[in-house]
Amino acid sequence: MSKQIAVRLSDELVEFVDELVESGTERSRAAVVSRALERERRRAIAARDAEILARTGSDPELRGLAEHAIGLSSDLA
């Protein structure tokens, strides 16, 4: 399910969004905004998890997973 909302953006951001759509990088303005918000949501979750890890200390069972994740692409598209 999705919900339509109105968002006010600067002319500069709208121009950037439109360039992405016109170049074929993204299929629509909504796709650009959705992708950016999904990326921001993942960043916020990762920051929260890092804060928890900093408070509680390293988990030996997760060390291997963390080392694997370091080697993954940073483009969380």
PDB file of N, CA and C in Angstrom:
ATOM      1  N   MET A   1       0.832  -1.167   0.000  1.00  0.00           N
ATOM      2  CA  MET A   1       0.000   0.000   0.000  1.00  0.00           C
ATOM      3  C   MET A   1       0.886   1.243   0.000  1.00  0.00           C
ATOM      4  N   SER A   2       0.454   2.261  -0.663  1.00  0.00           N
ATOM      5  CA  SER A   2       1.197   3.507  -0.653  1.00  0.00           C
ATOM      6  C   SER A   2       0.242   4.660  -0.384  1.00  0.00           C
ATOM      7  N   LYS A   3       0.828   5.783   0.008  1.00  0.00           N
ATOM      8  CA  LYS A   3       0.038   6.967   0.324  1.00  0.00           C
ATOM      9  C   LYS A   3       0.660   8.157  -0.382  1.00  0.00           C
ATOM     10  N   GLN A   4      -0.146   8.954  -1.014  1.00  0.00           N
ATOM     11  CA  GLN A   4       0.339  10.140  -1.699  1.00  0.00           C
ATOM     12  C   GLN A   4       0.460  11.281  -0.700  1.00  0.00           C
ATOM     13  N   ILE A   5       1.608  11.974  -0.750  1.00  0.00           N
ATOM     14  CA  ILE A   5       1.828  13.132   0.112  1.00  0.00           C
ATOM     15  C   ILE A   5       2.385  14.275  -0.728  1.00  0.00           C
ATOM     16  N   ALA A   6       2.273  15.469  -0.214  1.00  0.00           N
ATOM     17  CA  ALA A   6       2.864  16.638  -0.875  1.00  0.00           C
ATOM     18  C   ALA A   6       4.143  17.012  -0.125  1.00  0.00           C
ATOM     19  N   VAL A   7       5.195  17.259  -0.879  1.00  0.00           N
ATOM     20  CA  VAL A   7       6.484  17.613  -0.291  1.00  0.00           C
ATOM     21  C   VAL A   7       6.994  18.859  -0.989  1.00  0.00           C
ATOM     22  N   ARG A   8       7.449  19.820  -0.215  1.00  0.00           N
ATOM     23  CA  ARG A   8       8.006  21.045  -0.791  1.00  0.00           C
ATOM     24  C   ARG A   8       9.528  20.921  -0.805  1.00  0.00           C
ATOM     25  N   LEU A   9      10.119  21.055  -2.000  1.00  0.00           N
ATOM     26  CA  LEU A   9      11.565  20.954  -2.175  1.00  0.00           C
ATOM     27  C   LEU A   9      12.096  22.223  -2.816  1.00  0.00           C
ATOM     28  N   SER A  10      13.359  22.486  -2.586  1.00  0.00           N
ATOM     29  CA  SER A  10      13.993  23.649  -3.217  1.00  0.00           C
ATOM     30  C   SER A  10      14.062  23.426  -4.732  1.00  0.00           C
ATOM     31  N   ASP A  11      14.156  24.524  -5.466  1.00  0.00           N
ATOM     32  CA  ASP A  11      14.291  24.433  -6.927  1.00  0.00           C
ATOM     33  C   ASP A  11      15.499  23.583  -7.310  1.00  0.00           C
ATOM     34  N   GLU A  12      16.580  23.729  -6.558  1.00  0.00           N
ATOM     35  CA  GLU A  12      17.813  22.983  -6.844  1.00  0.00           C
ATOM     36  C   GLU A  12      17.582  21.476  -6.704  1.00  0.00           C
ATOM     37  N   LEU A  13      16.875  21.061  -5.657  1.00  0.00           N
ATOM     38  CA  LEU A  13      16.607  19.633  -5.487  1.00  0.00           C
ATOM     39  C   LEU A  13      15.665  19.099  -6.555  1.00  0.00           C
ATOM     40  N   VAL A  14      14.655  19.874  -6.913  1.00  0.00           N
ATOM     41  CA  VAL A  14      13.724  19.444  -7.959  1.00  0.00           C
ATOM     42  C   VAL A  14      14.469  19.289  -9.278  1.00  0.00           C
ATOM     43  N   GLU A  15      15.364  20.205  -9.572  1.00  0.00           N
ATOM     44  CA  GLU A  15      16.164  20.116 -10.794  1.00  0.00           C
ATOM     45  C   GLU A  15      17.002  18.837 -10.792  1.00  0.00           C
ATOM     46  N   PHE A  16      17.608  18.526  -9.651  1.00  0.00           N
ATOM     47  CA  PHE A  16      18.402  17.303  -9.526  1.00  0.00           C
ATOM     48  C   PHE A  16      17.528  16.067  -9.739  1.00  0.00           C
ATOM     49  N   VAL A  17      16.376  16.029  -9.102  1.00  0.00           N
ATOM     50  CA  VAL A  17      15.453  14.902  -9.246  1.00  0.00           C
ATOM     51  C   VAL A  17      15.049  14.745 -10.703  1.00  0.00           C
ATOM     52  N   ASP A  18      14.691  15.850 -11.337  1.00  0.00           N
ATOM     53  CA  ASP A  18      14.271  15.794 -12.739  1.00  0.00           C
ATOM     54  C   ASP A  18      15.396  15.325 -13.655  1.00  0.00           C
ATOM     55  N   GLU A  19      16.634  15.703 -13.349  1.00  0.00           N
ATOM     56  CA  GLU A  19      17.769  15.238 -14.148  1.00  0.00           C
ATOM     57  C   GLU A  19      17.919  13.720 -14.035  1.00  0.00           C
ATOM     58  N   LEU A  20      17.716  13.186 -12.837  1.00  0.00           N
ATOM     59  CA  LEU A  20      17.798  11.734 -12.654  1.00  0.00           C
ATOM     60  C   LEU A  20      16.729  11.014 -13.466  1.00  0.00           C
ATOM     61  N   VAL A  21      15.535  11.579 -13.483  1.00  0.00           N
ATOM     62  CA  VAL A  21      14.441  10.963 -14.227  1.00  0.00           C
ATOM     63  C   VAL A  21      14.684  11.084 -15.733  1.00  0.00           C
ATOM     64  N   GLU A  22      15.073  12.273 -16.188  1.00  0.00           N
ATOM     65  CA  GLU A  22      15.299  12.500 -17.614  1.00  0.00           C
ATOM     66  C   GLU A  22      16.442  11.652 -18.155  1.00  0.00           C
ATOM     67  N   SER A  23      17.449  11.384 -17.322  1.00  0.00           N
ATOM     68  CA  SER A  23      18.593  10.584 -17.772  1.00  0.00           C
ATOM     69  C   SER A  23      18.275   9.095 -17.790  1.00  0.00           C
ATOM     70  N   GLY A  24      17.150   8.721 -17.197  1.00  0.00           N
ATOM     71  CA  GLY A  24      16.784   7.312 -17.135  1.00  0.00           C
ATOM     72  C   GLY A  24      17.339   6.600 -15.916  1.00  0.00           C
ATOM     73  N   THR A  25      18.054   7.327 -15.064  1.00  0.00           N
ATOM     74  CA  THR A  25      18.596   6.725 -13.849  1.00  0.00           C
ATOM     75  C   THR A  25      17.477   6.266 -12.925  1.00  0.00           C
ATOM     76  N   GLU A  26      16.405   7.039 -12.865  1.00  0.00           N
ATOM     77  CA  GLU A  26      15.224   6.688 -12.072  1.00  0.00           C
ATOM     78  C   GLU A  26      13.998   6.802 -12.964  1.00  0.00           C
ATOM     79  N   ARG A  27      12.936   6.089 -12.604  1.00  0.00           N
ATOM     80  CA  ARG A  27      11.746   6.075 -13.465  1.00  0.00           C
ATOM     81  C   ARG A  27      10.770   7.207 -13.184  1.00  0.00           C
ATOM     82  N   SER A  28      10.852   7.818 -11.990  1.00  0.00           N
ATOM     83  CA  SER A  28       9.917   8.888 -11.647  1.00  0.00           C
ATOM     84  C   SER A  28      10.461   9.707 -10.484  1.00  0.00           C
ATOM     85  N   ARG A  29       9.848  10.865 -10.270  1.00  0.00           N
ATOM     86  CA  ARG A  29      10.206  11.670  -9.106  1.00  0.00           C
ATOM     87  C   ARG A  29       9.951  10.890  -7.819  1.00  0.00           C
ATOM     88  N   ALA A  30       8.824  10.202  -7.778  1.00  0.00           N
ATOM     89  CA  ALA A  30       8.482   9.423  -6.582  1.00  0.00           C
ATOM     90  C   ALA A  30       9.538   8.356  -6.309  1.00  0.00           C
ATOM     91  N   ALA A  31      10.071   7.737  -7.355  1.00  0.00           N
ATOM     92  CA  ALA A  31      11.104   6.709  -7.179  1.00  0.00           C
ATOM     93  C   ALA A  31      12.369   7.309  -6.575  1.00  0.00           C
ATOM     94  N   VAL A  32      12.727   8.518  -7.004  1.00  0.00           N
ATOM     95  CA  VAL A  32      13.910   9.189  -6.459  1.00  0.00           C
ATOM     96  C   VAL A  32      13.725   9.452  -4.968  1.00  0.00           C
ATOM     97  N   VAL A  33      12.580  10.016  -4.621  1.00  0.00           N
ATOM     98  CA  VAL A  33      12.315  10.345  -3.221  1.00  0.00           C
ATOM     99  C   VAL A  33      12.234   9.074  -2.377  1.00  0.00           C
ATOM    100  N   SER A  34      11.564   8.063  -2.869  1.00  0.00           N
ATOM    101  CA  SER A  34      11.441   6.811  -2.121  1.00  0.00           C
ATOM    102  C   SER A  34      12.807   6.181  -1.876  1.00  0.00           C
ATOM    103  N   ARG A  35      13.646   6.167  -2.907  1.00  0.00           N
ATOM    104  CA  ARG A  35      14.977   5.575  -2.759  1.00  0.00           C
ATOM    105  C   ARG A  35      15.803   6.341  -1.731  1.00  0.00           C
ATOM    106  N   ALA A  36      15.724   7.662  -1.770  1.00  0.00           N
ATOM    107  CA  ALA A  36      16.476   8.480  -0.814  1.00  0.00           C
ATOM    108  C   ALA A  36      15.986   8.245   0.614  1.00  0.00           C
ATOM    109  N   LEU A  37      14.681   8.136   0.790  1.00  0.00           N
ATOM    110  CA  LEU A  37      14.135   7.910   2.128  1.00  0.00           C
ATOM    111  C   LEU A  37      14.459   6.511   2.640  1.00  0.00           C
ATOM    112  N   GLU A  38      14.420   5.513   1.761  1.00  0.00           N
ATOM    113  CA  GLU A  38      14.808   4.162   2.169  1.00  0.00           C
ATOM    114  C   GLU A  38      16.267   4.134   2.600  1.00  0.00           C
ATOM    115  N   ARG A  39      17.123   4.819   1.867  1.00  0.00           N
ATOM    116  CA  ARG A  39      18.547   4.886   2.212  1.00  0.00           C
ATOM    117  C   ARG A  39      18.725   5.570   3.569  1.00  0.00           C
ATOM    118  N   GLU A  40      17.985   6.647   3.798  1.00  0.00           N
ATOM    119  CA  GLU A  40      18.074   7.358   5.070  1.00  0.00           C
ATOM    120  C   GLU A  40      17.562   6.491   6.219  1.00  0.00           C
ATOM    121  N   ARG A  41      16.507   5.733   5.965  1.00  0.00           N
ATOM    122  CA  ARG A  41      15.987   4.837   7.003  1.00  0.00           C
ATOM    123  C   ARG A  41      17.032   3.778   7.369  1.00  0.00           C
ATOM    124  N   ARG A  42      17.697   3.194   6.371  1.00  0.00           N
ATOM    125  CA  ARG A  42      18.740   2.200   6.648  1.00  0.00           C
ATOM    126  C   ARG A  42      19.903   2.825   7.406  1.00  0.00           C
ATOM    127  N   ARG A  43      20.260   4.070   7.056  1.00  0.00           N
ATOM    128  CA  ARG A  43      21.341   4.758   7.751  1.00  0.00           C
ATOM    129  C   ARG A  43      20.986   4.985   9.216  1.00  0.00           C
ATOM    130  N   ALA A  44      19.751   5.406   9.481  1.00  0.00           N
ATOM    131  CA  ALA A  44      19.314   5.647  10.850  1.00  0.00           C
ATOM    132  C   ALA A  44      19.317   4.354  11.664  1.00  0.00           C
ATOM    133  N   ILE A  45      18.880   3.248  11.057  1.00  0.00           N
ATOM    134  CA  ILE A  45      18.887   1.957  11.744  1.00  0.00           C
ATOM    135  C   ILE A  45      20.320   1.533  12.044  1.00  0.00           C
ATOM    136  N   ALA A  46      21.216   1.714  11.082  1.00  0.00           N
ATOM    137  CA  ALA A  46      22.623   1.351  11.288  1.00  0.00           C
ATOM    138  C   ALA A  46      23.248   2.199  12.387  1.00  0.00           C
ATOM    139  N   ALA A  47      22.916   3.488  12.427  1.00  0.00           N
ATOM    140  CA  ALA A  47      23.447   4.370  13.478  1.00  0.00           C
ATOM    141  C   ALA A  47      22.937   3.930  14.843  1.00  0.00           C
ATOM    142  N   ARG A  48      21.658   3.561  14.907  1.00  0.00           N
ATOM    143  CA  ARG A  48      21.095   3.077  16.167  1.00  0.00           C
ATOM    144  C   ARG A  48      21.803   1.797  16.608  1.00  0.00           C
ATOM    145  N   ASP A  49      22.001   0.875  15.664  1.00  0.00           N
ATOM    146  CA  ASP A  49      22.675  -0.375  15.986  1.00  0.00           C
ATOM    147  C   ASP A  49      24.115  -0.134  16.436  1.00  0.00           C
ATOM    148  N   ALA A  50      24.802   0.806  15.796  1.00  0.00           N
ATOM    149  CA  ALA A  50      26.178   1.124  16.185  1.00  0.00           C
ATOM    150  C   ALA A  50      26.218   1.698  17.598  1.00  0.00           C
ATOM    151  N   GLU A  51      25.228   2.509  17.928  1.00  0.00           N
ATOM    152  CA  GLU A  51      25.148   3.081  19.276  1.00  0.00           C
ATOM    153  C   GLU A  51      24.931   1.977  20.317  1.00  0.00           C
ATOM    154  N   ILE A  52      24.062   1.038  20.007  1.00  0.00           N
ATOM    155  CA  ILE A  52      23.821  -0.089  20.917  1.00  0.00           C
ATOM    156  C   ILE A  52      25.097  -0.907  21.088  1.00  0.00           C
ATOM    157  N   LEU A  53      25.776  -1.178  19.984  1.00  0.00           N
ATOM    158  CA  LEU A  53      27.020  -1.947  20.037  1.00  0.00           C
ATOM    159  C   LEU A  53      28.081  -1.219  20.859  1.00  0.00           C
ATOM    160  N   ALA A  54      28.158   0.106  20.710  1.00  0.00           N
ATOM    161  CA  ALA A  54      29.137   0.886  21.466  1.00  0.00           C
ATOM    162  C   ALA A  54      28.852   0.805  22.966  1.00  0.00           C
ATOM    163  N   ARG A  55      27.571   0.761  23.332  1.00  0.00           N
ATOM    164  CA  ARG A  55      27.199   0.682  24.756  1.00  0.00           C
ATOM    165  C   ARG A  55      27.418  -0.711  25.333  1.00  0.00           C
ATOM    166  N   THR A  56      27.142  -1.729  24.547  1.00  0.00           N
ATOM    167  CA  THR A  56      27.153  -3.091  25.080  1.00  0.00           C
ATOM    168  C   THR A  56      28.438  -3.844  24.806  1.00  0.00           C
ATOM    169  N   GLY A  57      29.238  -3.346  23.891  1.00  0.00           N
ATOM    170  CA  GLY A  57      30.488  -4.031  23.556  1.00  0.00           C
ATOM    171  C   GLY A  57      30.298  -5.013  22.416  1.00  0.00           C
ATOM    172  N   SER A  58      31.387  -5.482  21.904  1.00  0.00           N
ATOM    173  CA  SER A  58      31.393  -6.368  20.755  1.00  0.00           C
ATOM    174  C   SER A  58      30.783  -7.725  21.094  1.00  0.00           C
ATOM    175  N   ASP A  59      30.058  -8.275  20.147  1.00  0.00           N
ATOM    176  CA  ASP A  59      29.459  -9.612  20.294  1.00  0.00           C
ATOM    177  C   ASP A  59      30.289 -10.583  19.465  1.00  0.00           C
ATOM    178  N   PRO A  60      30.980 -11.510  20.120  1.00  0.00           N
ATOM    179  CA  PRO A  60      31.852 -12.436  19.384  1.00  0.00           C
ATOM    180  C   PRO A  60      31.107 -13.247  18.318  1.00  0.00           C
ATOM    181  N   GLU A  61      29.845 -13.542  18.556  1.00  0.00           N
ATOM    182  CA  GLU A  61      29.071 -14.314  17.585  1.00  0.00           C
ATOM    183  C   GLU A  61      28.764 -13.516  16.327  1.00  0.00           C
ATOM    184  N   LEU A  62      28.781 -12.199  16.432  1.00  0.00           N
ATOM    185  CA  LEU A  62      28.484 -11.353  15.277  1.00  0.00           C
ATOM    186  C   LEU A  62      29.725 -10.817  14.583  1.00  0.00           C
ATOM    187  N   ARG A  63      30.891 -11.070  15.146  1.00  0.00           N
ATOM    188  CA  ARG A  63      32.137 -10.533  14.584  1.00  0.00           C
ATOM    189  C   ARG A  63      32.328 -10.963  13.130  1.00  0.00           C
ATOM    190  N   GLY A  64      32.099 -12.238  12.825  1.00  0.00           N
ATOM    191  CA  GLY A  64      32.260 -12.732  11.459  1.00  0.00           C
ATOM    192  C   GLY A  64      31.305 -12.062  10.497  1.00  0.00           C
ATOM    193  N   LEU A  65      30.070 -11.875  10.942  1.00  0.00           N
ATOM    194  CA  LEU A  65      29.090 -11.186  10.103  1.00  0.00           C
ATOM    195  C   LEU A  65      29.513  -9.746   9.843  1.00  0.00           C
ATOM    196  N   ALA A  66      29.992  -9.080  10.863  1.00  0.00           N
ATOM    197  CA  ALA A  66      30.435  -7.697  10.709  1.00  0.00           C
ATOM    198  C   ALA A  66      31.608  -7.608   9.740  1.00  0.00           C
ATOM    199  N   GLU A  67      32.541  -8.522   9.854  1.00  0.00           N
ATOM    200  CA  GLU A  67      33.686  -8.510   8.940  1.00  0.00           C
ATOM    201  C   GLU A  67      33.243  -8.762   7.498  1.00  0.00           C
ATOM    202  N   HIS A  68      32.266  -9.636   7.327  1.00  0.00           N
ATOM    203  CA  HIS A  68      31.722  -9.875   5.991  1.00  0.00           C
ATOM    204  C   HIS A  68      31.045  -8.623   5.456  1.00  0.00           C
ATOM    205  N   ALA A  69      30.270  -7.948   6.283  1.00  0.00           N
ATOM    206  CA  ALA A  69      29.527  -6.751   5.861  1.00  0.00           C
ATOM    207  C   ALA A  69      30.472  -5.628   5.446  1.00  0.00           C
ATOM    208  N   ILE A  70      31.620  -5.547   6.082  1.00  0.00           N
ATOM    209  CA  ILE A  70      32.593  -4.505   5.738  1.00  0.00           C
ATOM    210  C   ILE A  70      33.008  -4.619   4.278  1.00  0.00           C
ATOM    211  N   GLY A  71      33.088  -5.849   3.785  1.00  0.00           N
ATOM    212  CA  GLY A  71      33.518  -6.083   2.408  1.00  0.00           C
ATOM    213  C   GLY A  71      32.429  -5.867   1.365  1.00  0.00           C
ATOM    214  N   LEU A  72      31.198  -5.655   1.796  1.00  0.00           N
ATOM    215  CA  LEU A  72      30.105  -5.460   0.850  1.00  0.00           C
ATOM    216  C   LEU A  72      30.106  -4.052   0.279  1.00  0.00           C
ATOM    217  N   SER A  73      29.448  -3.879  -0.851  1.00  0.00           N
ATOM    218  CA  SER A  73      29.348  -2.569  -1.482  1.00  0.00           C
ATOM    219  C   SER A  73      28.643  -1.600  -0.553  1.00  0.00           C
ATOM    220  N   SER A  74      29.086  -0.351  -0.548  1.00  0.00           N
ATOM    221  CA  SER A  74      28.462   0.665   0.303  1.00  0.00           C
ATOM    222  C   SER A  74      27.217   1.261  -0.341  1.00  0.00           C
ATOM    223  N   ASP A  75      26.920   0.923  -1.596  1.00  0.00           N
ATOM    224  CA  ASP A  75      25.713   1.413  -2.254  1.00  0.00           C
ATOM    225  C   ASP A  75      24.544   0.532  -1.837  1.00  0.00           C
ATOM    226  N   LEU A  76      23.767   1.006  -0.897  1.00  0.00           N
ATOM    227  CA  LEU A  76      22.657   0.218  -0.342  1.00  0.00           C
ATOM    228  C   LEU A  76      21.394   0.457  -1.130  1.00  0.00           C
ATOM    229  N   ALA A  77      21.477   0.382  -2.414  1.00  0.00           N
ATOM    230  CA  ALA A  77      20.346   0.680  -3.286  1.00  0.00           C
ATOM    231  C   ALA A  77      19.210  -0.269  -3.149  1.00  0.00           C
TER     232      ALA A  77
END
